[in-house]
Amino acid sequence: EYCSNWGRAQLEPNMAAWRQAISKNLREIRIHLCQTSKSSQGVRDFIEKHYVELKQLNPTFPFLIRECSGIEPKLYGRFDYGQEKCISLVDLHSDQVLKKLESLVTTGQ
């Protein structure tokens, strides 16, 4: 039990570190999703579970969420000099979407 608590304490600061680095590494994040499709369900869950925390850690950072019927869910990151990276989020669960966002943020370091 002691070891498992220690492991959690070690993970939490690392997880928070990349979340706080969003505004340092990126200029904008856009999430495109469908309001009703099964392929966007994980993205909708991600927004419900994680958006508030991400916004609190990066209050002035532009998180743009775009809903459109029938589109494929995607994550766009805009870096310096207008460079963009697009990641497909089709049929991913909420935690997988979070991992994709983390990879996008750490790409910009």
Protein backbone atom coordinates (compact mmCIF):
# COMPACT_ATOMS: atom_id res chain seq x y z
CA GLU A 1 0.00 0.00 0.00
CA TYR A 2 2.83 2.41 0.85
CA CYS A 3 4.51 1.80 -2.51
CA SER A 4 1.33 2.32 -4.50
CA ASN A 5 0.74 5.71 -2.84
CA TRP A 6 4.33 6.72 -3.49
CA GLY A 7 3.97 5.79 -7.17
CA ARG A 8 0.84 7.91 -7.52
CA ALA A 9 2.51 10.88 -5.88
CA GLN A 10 5.34 10.58 -8.39
CA LEU A 11 3.01 10.45 -11.40
CA GLU A 12 0.74 13.36 -10.54
CA PRO A 13 3.37 16.13 -10.81
CA ASN A 14 4.58 14.76 -14.16
CA MET A 15 1.04 14.61 -15.50
CA ALA A 16 0.37 18.17 -14.38
CA ALA A 17 3.66 19.41 -15.84
CA TRP A 18 2.75 18.73 -19.48
CA ARG A 19 -0.73 20.13 -18.91
CA GLN A 20 0.75 23.39 -17.65
CA ALA A 21 3.16 23.45 -20.62
CA ILE A 22 0.32 23.64 -23.14
CA SER A 23 0.46 27.42 -23.36
CA LYS A 24 4.26 27.40 -23.60
CA ASN A 25 4.50 24.86 -26.41
CA LEU A 26 1.43 25.63 -28.53
CA ARG A 27 -0.42 28.70 -29.78
CA GLU A 28 -3.84 27.09 -30.17
CA ILE A 29 -5.66 23.77 -29.83
CA ARG A 30 -8.71 22.96 -31.92
CA ILE A 31 -10.89 19.94 -31.39
CA HIS A 32 -13.34 19.01 -34.15
CA LEU A 33 -16.09 16.53 -33.32
CA CYS A 34 -19.60 15.41 -34.13
CA GLN A 35 -22.28 15.96 -31.48
CA THR A 36 -23.91 12.56 -32.02
CA SER A 37 -21.63 10.07 -33.79
CA LYS A 38 -20.20 7.01 -32.06
CA SER A 39 -16.73 7.82 -33.43
CA SER A 40 -16.73 11.10 -31.44
CA GLN A 41 -18.01 9.66 -28.14
CA GLY A 42 -14.54 9.49 -26.56
CA VAL A 43 -13.87 13.10 -27.54
CA ARG A 44 -17.15 14.23 -25.97
CA ASP A 45 -16.24 12.30 -22.80
CA PHE A 46 -12.75 13.86 -22.84
CA ILE A 47 -14.24 17.34 -22.96
CA GLU A 48 -16.57 16.58 -20.05
CA LYS A 49 -13.78 15.05 -17.92
CA HIS A 50 -10.72 17.17 -18.71
CA TYR A 51 -11.61 20.51 -20.30
CA VAL A 52 -12.20 22.43 -17.05
CA GLU A 53 -8.88 21.33 -15.53
CA LEU A 54 -6.93 22.12 -18.71
CA LYS A 55 -8.53 25.55 -18.95
CA GLN A 56 -7.82 26.29 -15.28
CA LEU A 57 -4.15 25.43 -15.78
CA ASN A 58 -4.00 27.53 -18.99
CA PRO A 59 -6.59 30.29 -18.46
CA THR A 60 -5.60 32.52 -21.38
CA PHE A 61 -4.86 29.74 -23.85
CA PRO A 62 -7.26 29.32 -26.80
CA PHE A 63 -8.94 25.91 -26.68
CA LEU A 64 -11.36 25.88 -29.61
CA ILE A 65 -14.03 23.20 -29.71
CA ARG A 66 -15.86 22.91 -33.02
CA GLU A 67 -18.92 20.71 -33.39
CA CYS A 68 -20.24 19.77 -36.79
CA SER A 69 -22.62 16.99 -37.73
CA GLY A 70 -21.03 13.96 -39.38
CA ILE A 71 -17.36 14.99 -39.25
CA GLU A 72 -14.41 12.84 -38.21
CA PRO A 73 -13.08 13.84 -34.77
CA LYS A 74 -9.64 15.45 -34.96
CA LEU A 75 -7.21 17.32 -32.76
CA TYR A 76 -5.29 20.23 -34.27
CA GLY A 77 -2.33 21.91 -32.64
CA ARG A 78 -0.98 25.20 -33.96
CA PHE A 79 2.65 25.94 -33.13
CA ASP A 80 4.85 28.97 -33.78
CA TYR A 81 5.09 30.30 -37.33
CA GLY A 82 1.67 28.86 -38.23
CA GLN A 83 2.81 25.25 -38.27
CA GLU A 84 0.00 22.79 -37.51
CA LYS A 85 -0.27 19.15 -36.62
CA CYS A 86 -3.48 17.14 -37.00
CA ILE A 87 -4.25 13.93 -35.10
CA SER A 88 -7.24 11.70 -35.81
CA LEU A 89 -9.37 10.87 -32.75
CA VAL A 90 -11.75 8.39 -34.41
CA ASP A 91 -13.15 5.79 -31.98
CA LEU A 92 -10.72 6.70 -29.18
CA HIS A 93 -11.69 6.58 -25.52
CA SER A 94 -11.35 9.68 -23.32
CA ASP A 95 -8.00 8.55 -21.85
CA GLN A 96 -6.62 7.86 -25.33
CA VAL A 97 -7.62 11.37 -26.40
CA LEU A 98 -5.73 12.72 -23.38
CA LYS A 99 -2.63 10.74 -24.44
CA LYS A 100 -2.88 12.17 -27.97
CA LEU A 101 -3.05 15.68 -26.51
CA GLU A 102 -0.04 14.95 -24.33
CA SER A 103 1.95 13.76 -27.36
CA LEU A 104 0.98 16.92 -29.23
CA VAL A 105 2.09 19.14 -26.35
CA THR A 106 5.40 17.34 -25.81
CA THR A 107 6.12 17.51 -29.56
CA GLY A 108 6.39 21.28 -29.17
CA GLN A 109 9.02 21.16 -26.42
